[in-house]
Amino acid sequence: ADPYAITVLVTDVLESLGLRYLIGGSLASSLHGTPRSTNDADLVAEIPGRLVEDLVSALEDRFYIDADMIRDAIARGASFNLIHYETAFKIDVFVLTRDDLLQEEMRRRESHGLPPSGERSAWFASAEDTILQKLDWYRKGAGISERQWRDLAAELPPAARTGWLGRLLMECGA
């Protein structure tokens, strides 16, 4: 299954509802130069409670989706997941909160053509924000794998140790 093709089924619905989103995680890392195979996708999305039913209605034919789980994620500033029926591909949707880092990431998102053809486009986390999220995940105690550290080294431009990135690198002991 093509993770980009499955993910765009969701992003198309988000766009049709006028909701801001970005694709992060492994799909963004792959787009920015560190090819990775993945069993899931990560999205950050702005989802107001009033549009939960519309979102469910638009996706329930192709994905396992639960309105109560979405409402709970909105209330807690957390995440929920979608499971594509045909392939069992999982998409983790992180609800956009007032978190400064997430808000800045949403402001800096970039439109990119989707692999392999580039004919379709979607919003992705910038290369810097892809790195920031990995470091923030590490800082919050979730740890980081050796593969993720290699990804960081491959993605990190030499002059990027300023701003949020410099702060998180220092907090992580890098």
N, C-alpha and C. Protein backbone atom coordinates (compact mmCIF):
# COMPACT_ATOMS: atom_id res chain seq x y z
N ALA A 1 0.85 -1.19 0.00
CA ALA A 1 0.00 0.00 0.00
C ALA A 1 0.89 1.25 0.00
N ASP A 2 0.49 2.24 -0.75
CA ASP A 2 1.23 3.49 -0.82
C ASP A 2 0.79 4.40 0.32
N PRO A 3 1.67 4.65 1.30
CA PRO A 3 1.27 5.47 2.44
C PRO A 3 0.84 6.89 2.06
N TYR A 4 1.48 7.45 1.03
CA TYR A 4 1.09 8.79 0.61
C TYR A 4 -0.32 8.79 0.02
N ALA A 5 -0.64 7.79 -0.80
CA ALA A 5 -1.97 7.71 -1.42
C ALA A 5 -3.06 7.55 -0.37
N ILE A 6 -2.79 6.75 0.66
CA ILE A 6 -3.78 6.56 1.72
C ILE A 6 -3.91 7.83 2.56
N THR A 7 -2.80 8.46 2.87
CA THR A 7 -2.82 9.69 3.67
C THR A 7 -3.56 10.81 2.96
N VAL A 8 -3.40 10.90 1.65
CA VAL A 8 -4.07 11.97 0.90
C VAL A 8 -5.59 11.78 0.89
N LEU A 9 -6.08 10.57 1.11
CA LEU A 9 -7.52 10.38 1.25
C LEU A 9 -8.04 11.19 2.44
N VAL A 10 -7.24 11.26 3.49
CA VAL A 10 -7.61 12.02 4.69
C VAL A 10 -7.37 13.51 4.47
N THR A 11 -6.22 13.87 3.92
CA THR A 11 -5.93 15.30 3.74
C THR A 11 -6.90 15.96 2.77
N ASP A 12 -7.37 15.22 1.78
CA ASP A 12 -8.38 15.77 0.87
C ASP A 12 -9.66 16.14 1.63
N VAL A 13 -10.05 15.29 2.58
CA VAL A 13 -11.24 15.58 3.38
C VAL A 13 -10.99 16.78 4.29
N LEU A 14 -9.82 16.82 4.93
CA LEU A 14 -9.50 17.96 5.78
C LEU A 14 -9.56 19.26 4.98
N GLU A 15 -8.99 19.25 3.78
CA GLU A 15 -9.03 20.45 2.94
C GLU A 15 -10.46 20.81 2.55
N SER A 16 -11.28 19.80 2.23
CA SER A 16 -12.66 20.08 1.83
C SER A 16 -13.46 20.70 2.98
N LEU A 17 -13.06 20.41 4.22
CA LEU A 17 -13.73 20.98 5.39
C LEU A 17 -13.09 22.31 5.82
N GLY A 18 -12.06 22.75 5.10
CA GLY A 18 -11.38 24.01 5.42
C GLY A 18 -10.48 23.92 6.63
N LEU A 19 -9.98 22.72 6.94
CA LEU A 19 -9.16 22.52 8.14
C LEU A 19 -7.67 22.51 7.79
N ARG A 20 -6.89 23.21 8.61
CA ARG A 20 -5.44 23.21 8.43
C ARG A 20 -4.87 21.90 8.94
N TYR A 21 -3.84 21.42 8.26
CA TYR A 21 -3.18 20.17 8.65
C TYR A 21 -1.75 20.20 8.15
N LEU A 22 -0.97 19.27 8.63
CA LEU A 22 0.34 19.00 8.05
C LEU A 22 0.67 17.54 8.25
N ILE A 23 1.45 17.01 7.33
CA ILE A 23 1.95 15.64 7.43
C ILE A 23 3.33 15.71 8.05
N GLY A 24 3.56 14.92 9.08
CA GLY A 24 4.86 14.91 9.75
C GLY A 24 5.43 13.50 9.77
N GLY A 25 6.24 13.22 10.78
CA GLY A 25 6.77 11.88 11.00
C GLY A 25 7.58 11.32 9.85
N SER A 26 7.46 10.02 9.65
CA SER A 26 8.26 9.30 8.65
C SER A 26 7.99 9.78 7.23
N LEU A 27 6.74 10.14 6.93
CA LEU A 27 6.46 10.60 5.57
C LEU A 27 7.16 11.92 5.29
N ALA A 28 7.19 12.82 6.28
CA ALA A 28 7.91 14.09 6.10
C ALA A 28 9.41 13.84 6.03
N SER A 29 9.92 12.95 6.89
CA SER A 29 11.36 12.61 6.85
C SER A 29 11.75 12.08 5.48
N SER A 30 10.93 11.19 4.94
CA SER A 30 11.21 10.63 3.62
C SER A 30 11.21 11.71 2.55
N LEU A 31 10.25 12.60 2.64
CA LEU A 31 10.16 13.69 1.66
C LEU A 31 11.39 14.59 1.72
N HIS A 32 11.90 14.81 2.94
CA HIS A 32 13.03 15.72 3.13
C HIS A 32 14.39 15.04 2.99
N GLY A 33 14.42 13.79 2.54
CA GLY A 33 15.71 13.22 2.20
C GLY A 33 16.16 12.01 2.97
N THR A 34 15.37 11.52 3.91
CA THR A 34 15.74 10.31 4.63
C THR A 34 14.68 9.26 4.36
N PRO A 35 14.81 8.53 3.24
CA PRO A 35 13.78 7.54 2.88
C PRO A 35 13.58 6.51 3.99
N ARG A 36 12.32 6.28 4.35
CA ARG A 36 11.99 5.33 5.40
C ARG A 36 10.77 4.54 4.98
N SER A 37 10.77 3.28 5.32
CA SER A 37 9.52 2.52 5.17
C SER A 37 8.73 2.76 6.45
N THR A 38 7.42 2.76 6.33
CA THR A 38 6.61 3.07 7.50
C THR A 38 5.31 2.30 7.47
N ASN A 39 4.80 2.02 8.65
CA ASN A 39 3.51 1.34 8.79
C ASN A 39 2.40 2.29 9.20
N ASP A 40 2.75 3.57 9.35
CA ASP A 40 1.74 4.54 9.74
C ASP A 40 2.14 5.93 9.26
N ALA A 41 1.21 6.86 9.40
CA ALA A 41 1.46 8.26 9.06
C ALA A 41 1.07 9.11 10.25
N ASP A 42 1.72 10.26 10.36
CA ASP A 42 1.42 11.22 11.42
C ASP A 42 0.91 12.50 10.79
N LEU A 43 -0.22 12.97 11.27
CA LEU A 43 -0.78 14.25 10.85
C LEU A 43 -0.99 15.12 12.08
N VAL A 44 -0.84 16.42 11.91
CA VAL A 44 -1.31 17.39 12.89
C VAL A 44 -2.46 18.09 12.20
N ALA A 45 -3.61 18.20 12.88
CA ALA A 45 -4.78 18.81 12.25
C ALA A 45 -5.54 19.67 13.24
N GLU A 46 -6.07 20.76 12.71
CA GLU A 46 -6.92 21.65 13.48
C GLU A 46 -8.36 21.15 13.28
N ILE A 47 -8.95 20.62 14.36
CA ILE A 47 -10.29 20.03 14.23
C ILE A 47 -11.21 20.62 15.30
N PRO A 48 -12.08 21.54 14.91
CA PRO A 48 -13.04 22.07 15.88
C PRO A 48 -14.14 21.03 16.15
N GLY A 49 -14.62 21.01 17.39
CA GLY A 49 -15.64 20.04 17.77
C GLY A 49 -16.86 20.05 16.88
N ARG A 50 -17.24 21.22 16.36
CA ARG A 50 -18.44 21.33 15.53
C ARG A 50 -18.32 20.58 14.21
N LEU A 51 -17.09 20.21 13.81
CA LEU A 51 -16.91 19.51 12.53
C LEU A 51 -16.60 18.02 12.68
N VAL A 52 -16.67 17.51 13.90
CA VAL A 52 -16.35 16.09 14.12
C VAL A 52 -17.27 15.19 13.30
N GLU A 53 -18.57 15.43 13.36
CA GLU A 53 -19.52 14.57 12.63
C GLU A 53 -19.28 14.63 11.12
N ASP A 54 -18.96 15.82 10.60
CA ASP A 54 -18.68 15.95 9.17
C ASP A 54 -17.43 15.15 8.80
N LEU A 55 -16.43 15.20 9.64
CA LEU A 55 -15.19 14.45 9.40
C LEU A 55 -15.48 12.95 9.40
N VAL A 56 -16.22 12.49 10.39
CA VAL A 56 -16.57 11.07 10.48
C VAL A 56 -17.36 10.64 9.25
N SER A 57 -18.37 11.42 8.88
CA SER A 57 -19.20 11.07 7.72
C SER A 57 -18.37 10.96 6.44
N ALA A 58 -17.40 11.84 6.29
CA ALA A 58 -16.60 11.86 5.07
C ALA A 58 -15.59 10.71 4.99
N LEU A 59 -15.21 10.15 6.14
CA LEU A 59 -14.15 9.12 6.15
C LEU A 59 -14.62 7.72 6.50
N GLU A 60 -15.81 7.57 7.07
CA GLU A 60 -16.20 6.28 7.63
C GLU A 60 -16.36 5.16 6.61
N ASP A 61 -16.50 5.47 5.34
CA ASP A 61 -16.58 4.40 4.33
C ASP A 61 -15.24 3.74 4.06
N ARG A 62 -14.15 4.47 4.29
CA ARG A 62 -12.81 3.95 3.98
C ARG A 62 -11.94 3.69 5.20
N PHE A 63 -12.30 4.31 6.33
CA PHE A 63 -11.47 4.23 7.53
C PHE A 63 -12.30 3.86 8.75
N TYR A 64 -11.66 3.14 9.68
CA TYR A 64 -12.24 3.03 11.02
C TYR A 64 -12.01 4.40 11.65
N ILE A 65 -13.08 5.01 12.13
CA ILE A 65 -13.00 6.34 12.74
C ILE A 65 -14.09 6.41 13.80
N ASP A 66 -13.77 6.99 14.95
CA ASP A 66 -14.69 7.01 16.08
C ASP A 66 -14.87 8.45 16.57
N ALA A 67 -16.10 8.96 16.49
CA ALA A 67 -16.38 10.34 16.87
C ALA A 67 -16.05 10.62 18.34
N ASP A 68 -16.35 9.67 19.23
CA ASP A 68 -16.06 9.88 20.65
C ASP A 68 -14.56 9.96 20.90
N MET A 69 -13.79 9.15 20.20
CA MET A 69 -12.34 9.19 20.33
C MET A 69 -11.80 10.55 19.86
N ILE A 70 -12.38 11.09 18.81
CA ILE A 70 -11.95 12.40 18.30
C ILE A 70 -12.30 13.49 19.31
N ARG A 71 -13.51 13.47 19.83
CA ARG A 71 -13.92 14.48 20.83
C ARG A 71 -13.02 14.42 22.06
N ASP A 72 -12.69 13.21 22.50
CA ASP A 72 -11.80 13.04 23.64
C ASP A 72 -10.42 13.62 23.33
N ALA A 73 -9.91 13.36 22.14
CA ALA A 73 -8.59 13.90 21.75
C ALA A 73 -8.62 15.42 21.72
N ILE A 74 -9.71 16.00 21.23
CA ILE A 74 -9.84 17.46 21.21
C ILE A 74 -9.83 18.00 22.64
N ALA A 75 -10.61 17.38 23.52
CA ALA A 75 -10.71 17.83 24.91
C ALA A 75 -9.37 17.73 25.65
N ARG A 76 -8.61 16.69 25.35
CA ARG A 76 -7.34 16.45 26.06
C ARG A 76 -6.13 17.04 25.33
N GLY A 77 -6.33 17.57 24.11
CA GLY A 77 -5.18 18.04 23.33
C GLY A 77 -4.27 16.88 22.99
N ALA A 78 -4.86 15.78 22.58
CA ALA A 78 -4.12 14.53 22.36
C ALA A 78 -4.26 14.09 20.90
N SER A 79 -4.21 12.79 20.69
CA SER A 79 -4.31 12.25 19.33
C SER A 79 -5.36 11.15 19.27
N PHE A 80 -5.75 10.84 18.05
CA PHE A 80 -6.62 9.70 17.77
C PHE A 80 -6.08 9.04 16.51
N ASN A 81 -6.59 7.85 16.21
CA ASN A 81 -6.08 7.23 14.98
C ASN A 81 -7.21 6.79 14.06
N LEU A 82 -6.82 6.67 12.82
CA LEU A 82 -7.69 6.19 11.75
C LEU A 82 -7.04 4.93 11.20
N ILE A 83 -7.85 3.94 10.86
CA ILE A 83 -7.34 2.70 10.26
C ILE A 83 -8.01 2.53 8.91
N HIS A 84 -7.19 2.45 7.87
CA HIS A 84 -7.70 2.25 6.51
C HIS A 84 -8.19 0.81 6.40
N TYR A 85 -9.47 0.63 6.07
CA TYR A 85 -10.06 -0.71 6.04
C TYR A 85 -9.33 -1.65 5.08
N GLU A 86 -9.04 -1.20 3.89
CA GLU A 86 -8.50 -2.06 2.85
C GLU A 86 -7.08 -2.55 3.14
N THR A 87 -6.27 -1.70 3.79
CA THR A 87 -4.85 -2.04 3.97
C THR A 87 -4.41 -2.14 5.43
N ALA A 88 -5.25 -1.73 6.37
CA ALA A 88 -4.93 -1.65 7.80
C ALA A 88 -3.84 -0.62 8.09
N PHE A 89 -3.58 0.29 7.15
CA PHE A 89 -2.62 1.37 7.36
C PHE A 89 -3.19 2.32 8.40
N LYS A 90 -2.36 2.70 9.38
CA LYS A 90 -2.81 3.55 10.48
C LYS A 90 -2.33 4.98 10.28
N ILE A 91 -3.20 5.91 10.56
CA ILE A 91 -2.85 7.33 10.54
C ILE A 91 -3.13 7.89 11.94
N ASP A 92 -2.07 8.38 12.59
CA ASP A 92 -2.21 9.04 13.89
C ASP A 92 -2.46 10.51 13.64
N VAL A 93 -3.55 11.03 14.19
CA VAL A 93 -3.91 12.43 14.01
C VAL A 93 -3.74 13.14 15.35
N PHE A 94 -2.79 14.05 15.40
CA PHE A 94 -2.53 14.85 16.60
C PHE A 94 -3.31 16.15 16.46
N VAL A 95 -4.17 16.40 17.44
CA VAL A 95 -5.01 17.59 17.40
C VAL A 95 -4.14 18.82 17.66
N LEU A 96 -4.28 19.83 16.81
CA LEU A 96 -3.52 21.07 16.98
C LEU A 96 -3.97 21.74 18.27
N THR A 97 -3.01 22.01 19.14
CA THR A 97 -3.28 22.67 20.41
C THR A 97 -2.64 24.06 20.39
N ARG A 98 -2.67 24.72 21.53
CA ARG A 98 -2.05 26.04 21.64
C ARG A 98 -0.55 25.94 21.90
N ASP A 99 -0.02 24.74 21.92
CA ASP A 99 1.41 24.52 22.12
C ASP A 99 2.21 25.39 21.14
N ASP A 100 3.13 26.19 21.67
CA ASP A 100 3.89 27.12 20.82
C ASP A 100 4.61 26.43 19.69
N LEU A 101 5.24 25.29 19.98
CA LEU A 101 5.99 24.59 18.95
C LEU A 101 5.07 24.09 17.83
N LEU A 102 3.93 23.50 18.20
CA LEU A 102 2.98 23.04 17.18
C LEU A 102 2.40 24.19 16.37
N GLN A 103 2.09 25.29 17.04
CA GLN A 103 1.55 26.45 16.33
C GLN A 103 2.57 26.99 15.32
N GLU A 104 3.83 27.07 15.74
CA GLU A 104 4.87 27.55 14.83
C GLU A 104 5.07 26.57 13.68
N GLU A 105 5.01 25.28 13.98
CA GLU A 105 5.13 24.26 12.94
C GLU A 105 4.01 24.41 11.90
N MET A 106 2.80 24.68 12.36
CA MET A 106 1.68 24.85 11.43
C MET A 106 1.88 26.09 10.57
N ARG A 107 2.41 27.17 11.16
CA ARG A 107 2.66 28.39 10.37
C ARG A 107 3.72 28.17 9.30
N ARG A 108 4.69 27.28 9.58
CA ARG A 108 5.81 27.07 8.64
C ARG A 108 5.60 25.88 7.71
N ARG A 109 4.46 25.25 7.74
CA ARG A 109 4.23 24.09 6.88
C ARG A 109 4.46 24.46 5.42
N GLU A 110 4.79 23.46 4.63
CA GLU A 110 5.15 23.69 3.23
C GLU A 110 4.35 22.75 2.33
N SER A 111 3.91 23.27 1.20
CA SER A 111 3.21 22.44 0.22
C SER A 111 4.24 21.75 -0.65
N HIS A 112 4.12 20.43 -0.76
CA HIS A 112 5.05 19.63 -1.57
C HIS A 112 4.24 18.67 -2.44
N GLY A 113 4.79 18.37 -3.61
CA GLY A 113 4.21 17.34 -4.46
C GLY A 113 4.40 15.99 -3.80
N LEU A 114 3.42 15.13 -3.95
CA LEU A 114 3.48 13.80 -3.34
C LEU A 114 4.25 12.84 -4.23
N PRO A 115 5.13 12.04 -3.61
CA PRO A 115 5.83 11.01 -4.39
C PRO A 115 4.82 10.00 -4.93
N PRO A 116 5.08 9.32 -6.01
CA PRO A 116 6.32 9.43 -6.79
C PRO A 116 6.25 10.49 -7.87
N SER A 117 5.05 10.91 -8.30
CA SER A 117 4.93 11.77 -9.48
C SER A 117 5.01 13.25 -9.16
N GLY A 118 4.60 13.64 -7.96
CA GLY A 118 4.56 15.05 -7.61
C GLY A 118 3.36 15.79 -8.17
N GLU A 119 2.46 15.06 -8.84
CA GLU A 119 1.29 15.70 -9.45
C GLU A 119 0.30 16.22 -8.41
N ARG A 120 0.12 15.48 -7.33
CA ARG A 120 -0.75 15.91 -6.23
C ARG A 120 0.13 16.56 -5.18
N SER A 121 -0.43 17.50 -4.43
CA SER A 121 0.36 18.12 -3.37
C SER A 121 -0.40 18.06 -2.05
N ALA A 122 0.35 18.22 -0.97
CA ALA A 122 -0.21 18.24 0.37
C ALA A 122 0.71 19.09 1.24
N TRP A 123 0.23 19.43 2.43
CA TRP A 123 1.01 20.23 3.37
C TRP A 123 1.87 19.32 4.25
N PHE A 124 3.15 19.64 4.33
CA PHE A 124 4.10 18.86 5.12
C PHE A 124 4.80 19.76 6.14
N ALA A 125 5.25 19.14 7.23
CA ALA A 125 6.14 19.83 8.16
C ALA A 125 7.42 20.17 7.42
N SER A 126 8.00 21.32 7.73
CA SER A 126 9.28 21.69 7.12
C SER A 126 10.35 20.72 7.61
N ALA A 127 11.49 20.72 6.94
CA ALA A 127 12.59 19.85 7.36
C ALA A 127 13.00 20.17 8.80
N GLU A 128 13.11 21.46 9.11
CA GLU A 128 13.50 21.85 10.47
C GLU A 128 12.47 21.36 11.49
N ASP A 129 11.19 21.52 11.18
CA ASP A 129 10.15 21.11 12.13
C ASP A 129 10.08 19.59 12.27
N THR A 130 10.43 18.86 11.24
CA THR A 130 10.49 17.40 11.34
C THR A 130 11.55 17.01 12.37
N ILE A 131 12.68 17.70 12.34
CA ILE A 131 13.75 17.46 13.31
C ILE A 131 13.31 17.91 14.70
N LEU A 132 12.69 19.09 14.78
CA LEU A 132 12.24 19.59 16.08
C LEU A 132 11.28 18.62 16.76
N GLN A 133 10.37 18.04 16.00
CA GLN A 133 9.42 17.11 16.60
C GLN A 133 10.12 15.87 17.16
N LYS A 134 11.13 15.38 16.46
CA LYS A 134 11.89 14.23 16.97
C LYS A 134 12.59 14.59 18.27
N LEU A 135 13.20 15.78 18.31
CA LEU A 135 13.88 16.21 19.53
C LEU A 135 12.90 16.46 20.66
N ASP A 136 11.75 17.05 20.35
CA ASP A 136 10.75 17.30 21.37
C ASP A 136 10.22 15.99 21.95
N TRP A 137 10.01 15.00 21.07
CA TRP A 137 9.58 13.67 21.50
C TRP A 137 10.61 13.08 22.46
N TYR A 138 11.88 13.22 22.12
CA TYR A 138 12.97 12.72 22.97
C TYR A 138 12.97 13.46 24.31
N ARG A 139 12.85 14.78 24.26
CA ARG A 139 12.88 15.60 25.46
C ARG A 139 11.75 15.22 26.42
N LYS A 140 10.59 14.86 25.87
CA LYS A 140 9.44 14.51 26.70
C LYS A 140 9.53 13.10 27.27
N GLY A 141 10.65 12.44 27.02
CA GLY A 141 10.88 11.15 27.64
C GLY A 141 10.50 9.96 26.81
N ALA A 142 10.10 10.17 25.58
CA ALA A 142 9.70 9.04 24.75
C ALA A 142 10.90 8.31 24.16
N GLY A 143 12.07 8.90 24.31
CA GLY A 143 13.27 8.27 23.76
C GLY A 143 13.34 8.45 22.26
N ILE A 144 14.45 8.04 21.71
CA ILE A 144 14.66 8.16 20.28
C ILE A 144 15.54 6.99 19.86
N SER A 145 15.22 6.40 18.76
CA SER A 145 15.97 5.22 18.32
C SER A 145 17.25 5.64 17.62
N GLU A 146 18.15 4.68 17.49
CA GLU A 146 19.40 4.94 16.76
C GLU A 146 19.09 5.39 15.33
N ARG A 147 18.07 4.79 14.73
CA ARG A 147 17.69 5.17 13.37
C ARG A 147 17.22 6.62 13.33
N GLN A 148 16.48 7.06 14.35
CA GLN A 148 16.02 8.45 14.38
C GLN A 148 17.20 9.41 14.53
N TRP A 149 18.21 9.03 15.34
CA TRP A 149 19.40 9.88 15.45
C TRP A 149 20.11 9.98 14.11
N ARG A 150 20.21 8.88 13.37
CA ARG A 150 20.82 8.92 12.03
C ARG A 150 20.01 9.81 11.10
N ASP A 151 18.68 9.72 11.20
CA ASP A 151 17.82 10.59 10.40
C ASP A 151 18.11 12.06 10.71
N LEU A 152 18.22 12.36 12.00
CA LEU A 152 18.50 13.74 12.40
C LEU A 152 19.80 14.23 11.78
N ALA A 153 20.83 13.42 11.87
CA ALA A 153 22.13 13.81 11.32
C ALA A 153 22.03 14.05 9.82
N ALA A 154 21.26 13.23 9.13
CA ALA A 154 21.12 13.38 7.68
C ALA A 154 20.30 14.61 7.30
N GLU A 155 19.34 14.97 8.14
CA GLU A 155 18.43 16.07 7.82
C GLU A 155 18.91 17.42 8.32
N LEU A 156 19.82 17.44 9.28
CA LEU A 156 20.19 18.68 9.95
C LEU A 156 21.16 19.52 9.14
N PRO A 157 20.71 20.69 8.67
CA PRO A 157 21.64 21.57 7.98
C PRO A 157 22.63 22.15 8.98
N PRO A 158 23.88 22.38 8.57
CA PRO A 158 24.92 22.82 9.50
C PRO A 158 24.59 24.09 10.27
N ALA A 159 23.87 25.02 9.66
CA ALA A 159 23.60 26.30 10.32
C ALA A 159 22.28 26.30 11.08
N ALA A 160 21.73 25.14 11.36
CA ALA A 160 20.37 25.08 11.92
C ALA A 160 20.31 25.04 13.44
N ARG A 161 21.41 25.22 14.13
CA ARG A 161 21.40 25.09 15.59
C ARG A 161 21.04 26.41 16.28
N THR A 162 19.98 27.05 15.79
CA THR A 162 19.52 28.30 16.39
C THR A 162 18.04 28.16 16.72
N GLY A 163 17.48 29.14 17.39
CA GLY A 163 16.05 29.15 17.69
C GLY A 163 15.61 27.93 18.46
N TRP A 164 14.42 27.44 18.11
CA TRP A 164 13.86 26.26 18.77
C TRP A 164 14.81 25.07 18.67
N LEU A 165 15.42 24.89 17.52
CA LEU A 165 16.28 23.73 17.32
C LEU A 165 17.47 23.77 18.27
N GLY A 166 18.12 24.91 18.37
CA GLY A 166 19.25 25.03 19.29
C GLY A 166 18.84 24.77 20.73
N ARG A 167 17.68 25.31 21.13
CA ARG A 167 17.18 25.11 22.49
C ARG A 167 16.92 23.63 22.78
N LEU A 168 16.24 22.95 21.86
CA LEU A 168 15.93 21.53 22.08
C LEU A 168 17.19 20.66 22.04
N LEU A 169 18.12 20.99 21.16
CA LEU A 169 19.38 20.23 21.12
C LEU A 169 20.11 20.34 22.45
N MET A 170 20.15 21.54 23.04
CA MET A 170 20.80 21.72 24.34
C MET A 170 20.09 20.91 25.42
N GLU A 171 18.75 20.95 25.42
CA GLU A 171 17.99 20.21 26.44
C GLU A 171 18.16 18.71 26.30
N CYS A 172 18.44 18.24 25.09
CA CYS A 172 18.63 16.81 24.84
C CYS A 172 20.08 16.39 25.01
N GLY A 173 20.95 17.35 25.33
CA GLY A 173 22.35 17.02 25.55
C GLY A 173 23.14 16.86 24.27
N ALA A 174 22.65 17.37 23.17
CA ALA A 174 23.37 17.24 21.89
C ALA A 174 24.28 18.43 21.67
